[in-house]
Amino acid sequence: MKRPPVLTTPSPVRRKRTLSGEELALWEHVAKQIKPLRKKPRPSKGSAEIAIKDAEAEQSARTTRPIATVPRKVVVAPAAPPPLAPLGRRERSQLSRGRKDIDARLDLHGMTQTRAHRALLNFLHHAHANGMTFVLVITGKGRTTGPESERGILRRHVPQWLGLPEFRHLVVGFEEAHIGHGGEGALYVRVRRSR
């Protein structure tokens, strides 16, 4: 058995009711008393119509004009320099006993801080480029005369310099040298291999 088709009547089209002059005045009065959520003031009716027309004009202009795309540059942060690692116990004992060779030595005695910093950086660049593994940096123990705070400026600063990013891509690690190689006044520095 077939069912008869259900006839639906179209729903009546609802028209938007416009506000009367009195209702519009009441609405404006209430709207002025309310504190806005945004900092921009509420546009009046005349400016709202202009804003809508401007937005429609802007929208039509967007659709008719092709948009020029500008390629964006991707900014990649430079890789952080690798951390310093202490020398292994075996390496330290082999260096102190003379079983491992020290490939080069740099003596910073009598240099100013700026000259010593430049000399150390150039020396480590040279050692890195030539594939050296262990180098000895002699800072000296400092003068024993004079105030204690002025004693051994290079001895204090060279380990700090080796921890800076400009040196860390050249240096794996460092440690105080054995007494036979200078003790407190020298450092064994392990140079990072070039790739």
N, C-alpha and C. Protein backbone atom coordinates (compact mmCIF):
# COMPACT_ATOMS: atom_id res chain seq x y z
N MET A 1 0.80 -1.15 0.00
CA MET A 1 0.00 0.00 0.00
C MET A 1 0.88 1.26 0.00
N LYS A 2 0.53 2.12 -0.88
CA LYS A 2 1.30 3.36 -1.02
C LYS A 2 0.69 4.45 -0.16
N ARG A 3 1.55 5.18 0.40
CA ARG A 3 1.10 6.30 1.22
C ARG A 3 0.92 7.52 0.32
N PRO A 4 -0.07 8.28 0.60
CA PRO A 4 -0.24 9.49 -0.20
C PRO A 4 0.85 10.49 0.15
N PRO A 5 1.31 11.26 -0.81
CA PRO A 5 2.36 12.25 -0.53
C PRO A 5 1.88 13.32 0.44
N VAL A 6 2.76 13.72 1.32
CA VAL A 6 2.43 14.73 2.32
C VAL A 6 2.69 16.10 1.70
N LEU A 7 1.71 16.89 1.69
CA LEU A 7 1.85 18.23 1.16
C LEU A 7 2.24 19.17 2.29
N THR A 8 3.30 19.91 2.07
CA THR A 8 3.73 20.88 3.09
C THR A 8 3.47 22.26 2.56
N THR A 9 2.99 23.06 3.39
CA THR A 9 2.75 24.44 2.99
C THR A 9 4.01 25.23 3.28
N PRO A 10 4.41 26.08 2.38
CA PRO A 10 5.61 26.86 2.65
C PRO A 10 5.39 27.79 3.83
N SER A 11 6.44 27.91 4.66
CA SER A 11 6.32 28.77 5.83
C SER A 11 6.31 30.22 5.38
N PRO A 12 5.54 31.02 6.04
CA PRO A 12 5.45 32.42 5.63
C PRO A 12 6.79 33.12 5.86
N VAL A 13 7.17 34.00 4.98
CA VAL A 13 8.43 34.74 5.09
C VAL A 13 8.26 35.82 6.14
N ARG A 14 9.17 35.77 7.12
CA ARG A 14 9.08 36.75 8.20
C ARG A 14 9.84 38.00 7.80
N ARG A 15 9.24 39.07 7.99
CA ARG A 15 9.88 40.33 7.71
C ARG A 15 10.48 40.87 9.00
N LYS A 16 11.63 41.52 8.87
CA LYS A 16 12.24 42.14 10.04
C LYS A 16 11.47 43.39 10.40
N ARG A 17 11.15 43.50 11.64
CA ARG A 17 10.42 44.67 12.09
C ARG A 17 11.40 45.80 12.31
N THR A 18 11.09 46.95 11.85
CA THR A 18 11.94 48.12 12.08
C THR A 18 11.50 48.81 13.35
N LEU A 19 12.46 49.43 14.01
CA LEU A 19 12.16 50.13 15.25
C LEU A 19 11.50 51.47 14.94
N SER A 20 10.59 51.81 15.79
CA SER A 20 9.95 53.12 15.63
C SER A 20 10.90 54.18 16.15
N GLY A 21 10.61 55.42 15.91
CA GLY A 21 11.46 56.52 16.36
C GLY A 21 11.58 56.56 17.86
N GLU A 22 10.50 56.27 18.56
CA GLU A 22 10.51 56.27 20.03
C GLU A 22 11.38 55.13 20.57
N GLU A 23 11.22 53.95 19.97
CA GLU A 23 12.03 52.79 20.39
C GLU A 23 13.51 53.02 20.10
N LEU A 24 13.80 53.63 18.96
CA LEU A 24 15.19 53.91 18.59
C LEU A 24 15.81 54.90 19.58
N ALA A 25 15.06 55.94 19.97
CA ALA A 25 15.54 56.92 20.94
C ALA A 25 15.80 56.26 22.29
N LEU A 26 14.89 55.36 22.71
CA LEU A 26 15.06 54.64 23.97
C LEU A 26 16.32 53.76 23.92
N TRP A 27 16.52 53.09 22.80
CA TRP A 27 17.71 52.22 22.63
C TRP A 27 19.00 53.04 22.71
N GLU A 28 19.03 54.19 22.04
CA GLU A 28 20.22 55.05 22.08
C GLU A 28 20.48 55.53 23.50
N HIS A 29 19.44 55.87 24.24
CA HIS A 29 19.59 56.33 25.61
C HIS A 29 20.19 55.22 26.50
N VAL A 30 19.70 53.99 26.35
CA VAL A 30 20.21 52.86 27.13
C VAL A 30 21.64 52.52 26.72
N ALA A 31 21.92 52.56 25.43
CA ALA A 31 23.25 52.20 24.93
C ALA A 31 24.32 53.18 25.41
N LYS A 32 23.97 54.43 25.59
CA LYS A 32 24.93 55.43 26.07
C LYS A 32 25.28 55.21 27.53
N GLN A 33 24.38 54.64 28.31
CA GLN A 33 24.61 54.45 29.74
C GLN A 33 25.42 53.20 30.05
N ILE A 34 25.55 52.31 29.11
CA ILE A 34 26.26 51.04 29.35
C ILE A 34 27.74 51.24 29.11
N LYS A 35 28.54 50.66 29.97
CA LYS A 35 30.00 50.71 29.84
C LYS A 35 30.42 49.68 28.78
N PRO A 36 31.11 50.11 27.74
CA PRO A 36 31.47 49.17 26.67
C PRO A 36 32.56 48.20 27.11
N LEU A 37 32.51 47.00 26.52
CA LEU A 37 33.55 46.00 26.80
C LEU A 37 34.82 46.37 26.06
N ARG A 38 34.68 46.97 24.89
CA ARG A 38 35.83 47.38 24.10
C ARG A 38 36.15 48.84 24.39
N LYS A 39 37.32 49.24 24.03
CA LYS A 39 37.72 50.62 24.25
C LYS A 39 37.17 51.54 23.17
N LYS A 40 36.82 50.99 22.01
CA LYS A 40 36.30 51.80 20.93
C LYS A 40 34.87 52.22 21.26
N PRO A 41 34.51 53.49 21.01
CA PRO A 41 33.14 53.90 21.26
C PRO A 41 32.20 53.31 20.22
N ARG A 42 30.96 53.15 20.63
CA ARG A 42 29.96 52.58 19.73
C ARG A 42 29.66 53.58 18.63
N PRO A 43 29.72 53.16 17.37
CA PRO A 43 29.45 54.10 16.28
C PRO A 43 27.97 54.45 16.26
N SER A 44 27.69 55.68 15.89
CA SER A 44 26.29 56.10 15.79
C SER A 44 25.68 55.48 14.54
N LYS A 45 24.38 55.61 14.39
CA LYS A 45 23.67 54.95 13.30
C LYS A 45 24.22 55.39 11.94
N GLY A 46 24.44 56.69 11.76
CA GLY A 46 24.94 57.18 10.48
C GLY A 46 26.34 56.65 10.18
N SER A 47 27.21 56.65 11.20
CA SER A 47 28.58 56.16 10.98
C SER A 47 28.60 54.64 10.82
N ALA A 48 27.59 53.96 11.41
CA ALA A 48 27.53 52.50 11.26
C ALA A 48 27.20 52.14 9.82
N GLU A 49 26.29 52.90 9.21
CA GLU A 49 25.96 52.63 7.82
C GLU A 49 27.16 52.90 6.92
N ILE A 50 27.91 53.96 7.21
CA ILE A 50 29.11 54.29 6.42
C ILE A 50 30.16 53.20 6.62
N ALA A 51 30.33 52.73 7.84
CA ALA A 51 31.30 51.67 8.11
C ALA A 51 30.93 50.39 7.38
N ILE A 52 29.62 50.06 7.32
CA ILE A 52 29.19 48.86 6.60
C ILE A 52 29.46 49.01 5.11
N LYS A 53 29.17 50.20 4.57
CA LYS A 53 29.42 50.45 3.15
C LYS A 53 30.92 50.37 2.85
N ASP A 54 31.76 50.94 3.74
CA ASP A 54 33.22 50.87 3.56
C ASP A 54 33.70 49.43 3.61
N ALA A 55 33.16 48.65 4.53
CA ALA A 55 33.56 47.25 4.64
C ALA A 55 33.15 46.47 3.39
N GLU A 56 31.94 46.77 2.86
CA GLU A 56 31.50 46.09 1.63
C GLU A 56 32.38 46.49 0.45
N ALA A 57 32.74 47.77 0.37
CA ALA A 57 33.61 48.24 -0.72
C ALA A 57 34.98 47.60 -0.62
N GLU A 58 35.49 47.50 0.61
CA GLU A 58 36.80 46.87 0.82
C GLU A 58 36.76 45.40 0.45
N GLN A 59 35.67 44.72 0.81
CA GLN A 59 35.52 43.30 0.49
C GLN A 59 35.47 43.10 -1.02
N SER A 60 34.74 43.96 -1.73
CA SER A 60 34.65 43.81 -3.19
C SER A 60 36.00 44.13 -3.84
N ALA A 61 36.75 45.08 -3.24
CA ALA A 61 38.07 45.39 -3.78
C ALA A 61 39.03 44.22 -3.57
N ARG A 62 38.88 43.52 -2.47
CA ARG A 62 39.74 42.36 -2.21
C ARG A 62 39.48 41.24 -3.21
N THR A 63 38.23 41.05 -3.53
CA THR A 63 37.91 39.94 -4.44
C THR A 63 38.30 40.24 -5.87
N THR A 64 38.36 41.54 -6.26
CA THR A 64 38.69 41.85 -7.64
C THR A 64 40.19 41.97 -7.86
N ARG A 65 40.95 42.41 -6.84
CA ARG A 65 42.40 42.54 -7.01
C ARG A 65 43.11 41.26 -6.56
N PRO A 66 44.08 40.83 -7.36
CA PRO A 66 44.85 39.68 -6.88
C PRO A 66 45.77 40.11 -5.73
N ILE A 67 45.90 39.26 -4.77
CA ILE A 67 46.73 39.55 -3.61
C ILE A 67 48.15 39.09 -3.90
N ALA A 68 49.08 40.02 -3.76
CA ALA A 68 50.48 39.70 -3.98
C ALA A 68 51.01 39.02 -2.73
N THR A 69 51.57 37.85 -2.90
CA THR A 69 52.12 37.13 -1.75
C THR A 69 53.60 37.41 -1.65
N VAL A 70 54.02 37.76 -0.48
CA VAL A 70 55.42 38.02 -0.22
C VAL A 70 55.98 36.81 0.51
N PRO A 71 57.04 36.21 -0.02
CA PRO A 71 57.59 35.04 0.69
C PRO A 71 58.16 35.46 2.04
N ARG A 72 57.84 34.68 3.04
CA ARG A 72 58.33 34.97 4.39
C ARG A 72 59.67 34.29 4.61
N LYS A 73 60.53 35.01 5.29
CA LYS A 73 61.82 34.43 5.64
C LYS A 73 61.67 33.66 6.94
N VAL A 74 62.12 32.47 6.94
CA VAL A 74 62.07 31.66 8.15
C VAL A 74 63.36 31.90 8.92
N VAL A 75 63.20 32.45 10.11
CA VAL A 75 64.35 32.75 10.94
C VAL A 75 64.63 31.54 11.81
N VAL A 76 65.79 30.96 11.62
CA VAL A 76 66.18 29.80 12.41
C VAL A 76 67.17 30.27 13.47
N ALA A 77 66.86 29.99 14.70
CA ALA A 77 67.76 30.37 15.79
C ALA A 77 69.04 29.57 15.67
N PRO A 78 70.18 30.24 15.89
CA PRO A 78 71.43 29.50 15.80
C PRO A 78 71.47 28.39 16.85
N ALA A 79 72.07 27.29 16.48
CA ALA A 79 72.14 26.15 17.39
C ALA A 79 72.98 26.53 18.61
N ALA A 80 72.52 26.12 19.75
CA ALA A 80 73.25 26.40 20.98
C ALA A 80 74.56 25.63 20.98
N PRO A 81 75.63 26.26 21.43
CA PRO A 81 76.90 25.54 21.46
C PRO A 81 76.82 24.37 22.43
N PRO A 82 77.54 23.30 22.12
CA PRO A 82 77.49 22.13 22.99
C PRO A 82 78.06 22.44 24.37
N PRO A 83 77.59 21.74 25.40
CA PRO A 83 78.09 21.99 26.75
C PRO A 83 79.51 21.46 26.94
N LEU A 84 80.19 22.00 27.92
CA LEU A 84 81.53 21.53 28.25
C LEU A 84 81.45 20.25 29.06
N ALA A 85 82.40 19.36 28.81
CA ALA A 85 82.45 18.10 29.54
C ALA A 85 83.83 17.98 30.19
N PRO A 86 83.91 17.49 31.41
CA PRO A 86 85.22 17.34 32.04
C PRO A 86 86.02 16.23 31.36
N LEU A 87 87.33 16.33 31.49
CA LEU A 87 88.18 15.27 30.94
C LEU A 87 87.96 13.99 31.73
N GLY A 88 88.08 12.89 31.05
CA GLY A 88 87.94 11.61 31.73
C GLY A 88 89.13 11.33 32.64
N ARG A 89 88.91 10.49 33.65
CA ARG A 89 89.99 10.17 34.59
C ARG A 89 91.17 9.52 33.89
N ARG A 90 90.87 8.63 32.94
CA ARG A 90 91.93 7.93 32.21
C ARG A 90 92.75 8.92 31.37
N GLU A 91 92.06 9.82 30.68
CA GLU A 91 92.77 10.80 29.84
C GLU A 91 93.65 11.70 30.70
N ARG A 92 93.12 12.12 31.82
CA ARG A 92 93.89 13.00 32.70
C ARG A 92 95.14 12.30 33.21
N SER A 93 95.00 11.05 33.61
CA SER A 93 96.19 10.34 34.12
C SER A 93 97.19 10.06 33.00
N GLN A 94 96.71 9.76 31.80
CA GLN A 94 97.63 9.54 30.68
C GLN A 94 98.37 10.82 30.31
N LEU A 95 97.68 11.96 30.37
CA LEU A 95 98.34 13.23 30.08
C LEU A 95 99.39 13.56 31.14
N SER A 96 99.05 13.35 32.40
CA SER A 96 99.98 13.70 33.48
C SER A 96 101.20 12.79 33.50
N ARG A 97 101.02 11.54 33.07
CA ARG A 97 102.15 10.61 33.05
C ARG A 97 102.95 10.66 31.75
N GLY A 98 102.49 11.43 30.81
CA GLY A 98 103.21 11.55 29.54
C GLY A 98 102.89 10.46 28.54
N ARG A 99 101.85 9.65 28.78
CA ARG A 99 101.49 8.58 27.85
C ARG A 99 100.69 9.11 26.66
N LYS A 100 100.03 10.24 26.87
CA LYS A 100 99.34 10.93 25.77
C LYS A 100 100.09 12.21 25.51
N ASP A 101 100.27 12.50 24.24
CA ASP A 101 101.02 13.70 23.87
C ASP A 101 100.14 14.94 23.94
N ILE A 102 100.77 16.01 24.36
CA ILE A 102 100.13 17.32 24.28
C ILE A 102 100.55 17.88 22.92
N ASP A 103 99.56 18.15 22.08
CA ASP A 103 99.83 18.53 20.69
C ASP A 103 100.43 19.93 20.56
N ALA A 104 100.05 20.87 21.42
CA ALA A 104 100.58 22.24 21.33
C ALA A 104 100.47 22.91 22.69
N ARG A 105 101.23 23.99 22.86
CA ARG A 105 101.23 24.74 24.10
C ARG A 105 101.07 26.22 23.79
N LEU A 106 100.36 26.92 24.66
CA LEU A 106 100.23 28.37 24.55
C LEU A 106 100.55 28.97 25.90
N ASP A 107 101.53 29.88 25.92
CA ASP A 107 101.93 30.54 27.15
C ASP A 107 101.39 31.97 27.14
N LEU A 108 100.54 32.29 28.10
CA LEU A 108 99.92 33.61 28.18
C LEU A 108 100.59 34.52 29.20
N HIS A 109 101.74 34.12 29.73
CA HIS A 109 102.45 34.93 30.72
C HIS A 109 102.69 36.34 30.21
N GLY A 110 102.41 37.32 31.05
CA GLY A 110 102.74 38.72 30.75
C GLY A 110 101.81 39.40 29.75
N MET A 111 100.77 38.75 29.30
CA MET A 111 99.86 39.37 28.33
C MET A 111 98.74 40.11 29.06
N THR A 112 98.22 41.12 28.39
CA THR A 112 97.03 41.79 28.91
C THR A 112 95.82 40.90 28.65
N GLN A 113 94.69 41.23 29.26
CA GLN A 113 93.49 40.40 29.09
C GLN A 113 93.03 40.37 27.64
N THR A 114 92.99 41.52 26.99
CA THR A 114 92.53 41.54 25.59
C THR A 114 93.48 40.79 24.68
N ARG A 115 94.76 40.98 24.88
CA ARG A 115 95.74 40.27 24.04
C ARG A 115 95.69 38.77 24.30
N ALA A 116 95.54 38.38 25.56
CA ALA A 116 95.46 36.96 25.91
C ALA A 116 94.19 36.33 25.35
N HIS A 117 93.08 37.04 25.40
CA HIS A 117 91.82 36.53 24.85
C HIS A 117 91.95 36.29 23.35
N ARG A 118 92.50 37.26 22.64
CA ARG A 118 92.69 37.13 21.20
C ARG A 118 93.64 35.99 20.87
N ALA A 119 94.76 35.89 21.63
CA ALA A 119 95.75 34.84 21.38
C ALA A 119 95.14 33.45 21.63
N LEU A 120 94.34 33.33 22.69
CA LEU A 120 93.71 32.04 23.02
C LEU A 120 92.72 31.63 21.93
N LEU A 121 91.91 32.57 21.45
CA LEU A 121 90.95 32.27 20.41
C LEU A 121 91.65 31.84 19.11
N ASN A 122 92.69 32.58 18.71
CA ASN A 122 93.43 32.21 17.50
C ASN A 122 94.12 30.86 17.65
N PHE A 123 94.68 30.61 18.83
CA PHE A 123 95.37 29.34 19.09
C PHE A 123 94.40 28.16 18.99
N LEU A 124 93.20 28.32 19.58
CA LEU A 124 92.22 27.23 19.54
C LEU A 124 91.65 27.02 18.15
N HIS A 125 91.48 28.10 17.38
CA HIS A 125 91.05 27.95 15.99
C HIS A 125 92.10 27.17 15.19
N HIS A 126 93.36 27.50 15.42
CA HIS A 126 94.46 26.80 14.72
C HIS A 126 94.50 25.32 15.13
N ALA A 127 94.35 25.04 16.43
CA ALA A 127 94.38 23.66 16.91
C ALA A 127 93.19 22.87 16.37
N HIS A 128 92.04 23.50 16.31
CA HIS A 128 90.84 22.85 15.79
C HIS A 128 90.99 22.54 14.30
N ALA A 129 91.54 23.50 13.55
CA ALA A 129 91.72 23.31 12.10
C ALA A 129 92.75 22.23 11.79
N ASN A 130 93.75 22.08 12.64
CA ASN A 130 94.81 21.09 12.40
C ASN A 130 94.54 19.73 13.03
N GLY A 131 93.37 19.54 13.62
CA GLY A 131 92.99 18.24 14.15
C GLY A 131 93.69 17.84 15.43
N MET A 132 94.14 18.81 16.22
CA MET A 132 94.80 18.50 17.49
C MET A 132 93.76 18.05 18.50
N THR A 133 94.20 17.22 19.45
CA THR A 133 93.28 16.70 20.46
C THR A 133 93.45 17.39 21.81
N PHE A 134 94.67 17.41 22.32
CA PHE A 134 94.94 18.01 23.63
C PHE A 134 95.97 19.11 23.49
N VAL A 135 95.66 20.25 24.09
CA VAL A 135 96.61 21.37 24.12
C VAL A 135 96.77 21.82 25.57
N LEU A 136 97.86 22.49 25.84
CA LEU A 136 98.15 22.99 27.18
C LEU A 136 98.14 24.51 27.11
N VAL A 137 97.32 25.14 27.94
CA VAL A 137 97.26 26.61 28.02
C VAL A 137 97.85 27.01 29.36
N ILE A 138 98.97 27.74 29.32
CA ILE A 138 99.67 28.16 30.53
C ILE A 138 99.24 29.59 30.86
N THR A 139 98.58 29.76 31.99
CA THR A 139 98.11 31.07 32.41
C THR A 139 99.05 31.71 33.42
N GLY A 140 99.78 30.90 34.13
CA GLY A 140 100.62 31.39 35.22
C GLY A 140 99.80 31.48 36.49
N LYS A 141 100.49 31.49 37.62
CA LYS A 141 99.80 31.53 38.91
C LYS A 141 99.52 32.95 39.36
N GLY A 142 100.13 33.92 38.72
CA GLY A 142 99.95 35.32 39.11
C GLY A 142 101.03 35.75 40.06
N ARG A 143 101.15 37.06 40.23
CA ARG A 143 102.16 37.61 41.13
C ARG A 143 101.76 37.37 42.57
N THR A 144 102.76 37.12 43.38
CA THR A 144 102.49 36.93 44.81
C THR A 144 102.53 38.24 45.56
N THR A 145 103.09 39.30 44.94
CA THR A 145 103.13 40.60 45.59
C THR A 145 101.87 41.38 45.22
N GLY A 146 101.48 42.30 46.06
CA GLY A 146 100.30 43.12 45.78
C GLY A 146 99.07 42.55 46.45
N PRO A 147 97.94 43.22 46.25
CA PRO A 147 96.70 42.75 46.89
C PRO A 147 96.27 41.39 46.35
N GLU A 148 95.64 40.64 47.19
CA GLU A 148 95.23 39.27 46.86
C GLU A 148 94.21 39.25 45.72
N SER A 149 93.35 40.28 45.62
CA SER A 149 92.32 40.30 44.59
C SER A 149 92.91 40.44 43.19
N GLU A 150 94.10 41.04 43.08
CA GLU A 150 94.74 41.23 41.78
C GLU A 150 95.57 40.03 41.35
N ARG A 151 95.63 39.03 42.17
CA ARG A 151 96.50 37.89 41.89
C ARG A 151 95.90 36.96 40.85
N GLY A 152 96.61 36.68 39.79
CA GLY A 152 96.23 35.69 38.80
C GLY A 152 94.98 36.02 38.01
N ILE A 153 94.98 37.18 37.36
CA ILE A 153 93.80 37.57 36.59
C ILE A 153 93.55 36.60 35.45
N LEU A 154 94.58 36.26 34.70
CA LEU A 154 94.41 35.32 33.59
C LEU A 154 94.05 33.93 34.10
N ARG A 155 94.59 33.58 35.24
CA ARG A 155 94.28 32.27 35.83
C ARG A 155 92.79 32.16 36.15
N ARG A 156 92.18 33.29 36.55
CA ARG A 156 90.75 33.30 36.84
C ARG A 156 89.90 33.44 35.58
N HIS A 157 90.37 34.21 34.62
CA HIS A 157 89.54 34.53 33.46
C HIS A 157 89.56 33.48 32.34
N VAL A 158 90.66 32.80 32.15
CA VAL A 158 90.74 31.83 31.05
C VAL A 158 89.68 30.73 31.19
N PRO A 159 89.45 30.13 32.37
CA PRO A 159 88.36 29.15 32.46
C PRO A 159 86.99 29.75 32.15
N GLN A 160 86.77 31.01 32.51
CA GLN A 160 85.51 31.68 32.17
C GLN A 160 85.40 31.87 30.66
N TRP A 161 86.49 32.25 30.01
CA TRP A 161 86.48 32.44 28.56
C TRP A 161 86.18 31.14 27.84
N LEU A 162 86.75 30.05 28.34
CA LEU A 162 86.53 28.76 27.67
C LEU A 162 85.07 28.31 27.76
N GLY A 163 84.33 28.87 28.71
CA GLY A 163 82.90 28.56 28.83
C GLY A 163 82.02 29.43 27.94
N LEU A 164 82.59 30.45 27.29
CA LEU A 164 81.81 31.34 26.42
C LEU A 164 81.43 30.63 25.12
N PRO A 165 80.31 31.03 24.50
CA PRO A 165 79.87 30.38 23.25
C PRO A 165 80.89 30.44 22.12
N GLU A 166 81.69 31.52 22.05
CA GLU A 166 82.67 31.63 20.97
C GLU A 166 83.77 30.56 21.10
N PHE A 167 84.00 30.05 22.30
CA PHE A 167 85.02 29.02 22.51
C PHE A 167 84.42 27.62 22.54
N ARG A 168 83.14 27.51 22.93
CA ARG A 168 82.58 26.18 23.16
C ARG A 168 82.46 25.34 21.91
N HIS A 169 82.41 25.95 20.73
CA HIS A 169 82.38 25.12 19.53
C HIS A 169 83.78 24.63 19.17
N LEU A 170 84.80 25.12 19.88
CA LEU A 170 86.17 24.68 19.66
C LEU A 170 86.67 23.74 20.76
N VAL A 171 86.04 23.79 21.93
CA VAL A 171 86.55 23.08 23.11
C VAL A 171 85.53 22.06 23.60
N VAL A 172 86.01 20.82 23.89
CA VAL A 172 85.16 19.79 24.48
C VAL A 172 85.13 19.99 25.99
N GLY A 173 86.29 20.22 26.58
CA GLY A 173 86.38 20.39 28.02
C GLY A 173 87.78 20.80 28.42
N PHE A 174 87.95 21.12 29.69
CA PHE A 174 89.27 21.51 30.20
C PHE A 174 89.35 21.17 31.67
N GLU A 175 90.60 21.05 32.16
CA GLU A 175 90.85 20.77 33.56
C GLU A 175 92.20 21.31 33.95
N GLU A 176 92.38 21.51 35.24
CA GLU A 176 93.67 21.99 35.74
C GLU A 176 94.75 20.94 35.43
N ALA A 177 95.90 21.43 35.02
CA ALA A 177 96.99 20.54 34.62
C ALA A 177 97.66 19.89 35.84
N HIS A 178 98.40 18.84 35.57
CA HIS A 178 99.20 18.15 36.58
C HIS A 178 100.34 19.07 36.99
N ILE A 179 100.86 18.85 38.19
CA ILE A 179 101.94 19.69 38.72
C ILE A 179 103.15 19.70 37.79
N GLY A 180 103.38 18.61 37.08
CA GLY A 180 104.52 18.54 36.15
C GLY A 180 104.33 19.42 34.92
N HIS A 181 103.09 19.77 34.60
CA HIS A 181 102.81 20.62 33.44
C HIS A 181 102.43 22.05 33.84
N GLY A 182 102.52 22.37 35.13
CA GLY A 182 102.23 23.73 35.56
C GLY A 182 101.22 23.81 36.69
N GLY A 183 100.54 22.72 36.99
CA GLY A 183 99.61 22.70 38.13
C GLY A 183 98.51 23.74 38.03
N GLU A 184 98.41 24.58 39.08
CA GLU A 184 97.35 25.58 39.13
C GLU A 184 97.47 26.64 38.04
N GLY A 185 98.65 26.80 37.49
CA GLY A 185 98.89 27.85 36.49
C GLY A 185 98.74 27.38 35.06
N ALA A 186 98.16 26.19 34.83
CA ALA A 186 98.00 25.69 33.46
C ALA A 186 96.74 24.86 33.36
N LEU A 187 96.24 24.72 32.14
CA LEU A 187 95.02 23.95 31.88
C LEU A 187 95.23 22.98 30.73
N TYR A 188 94.76 21.73 30.91
CA TYR A 188 94.65 20.81 29.78
C TYR A 188 93.35 21.16 29.06
N VAL A 189 93.39 21.35 27.78
CA VAL A 189 92.19 21.68 27.01
C VAL A 189 92.02 20.63 25.92
N ARG A 190 90.86 19.99 25.91
CA ARG A 190 90.56 19.03 24.85
C ARG A 190 89.85 19.76 23.73
N VAL A 191 90.42 19.70 22.53
CA VAL A 191 89.91 20.43 21.37
C VAL A 191 88.88 19.57 20.66
N ARG A 192 87.78 20.19 20.25
CA ARG A 192 86.72 19.49 19.53
C ARG A 192 87.20 19.15 18.13
N ARG A 193 86.85 17.96 17.66
CA ARG A 193 87.25 17.54 16.31
C ARG A 193 86.47 18.30 15.26
N SER A 194 87.13 18.65 14.17
CA SER A 194 86.42 19.31 13.07
C SER A 194 85.70 18.25 12.25
N ARG A 195 84.51 18.59 11.77
CA ARG A 195 83.70 17.61 11.03
C ARG A 195 83.90 17.76 9.55
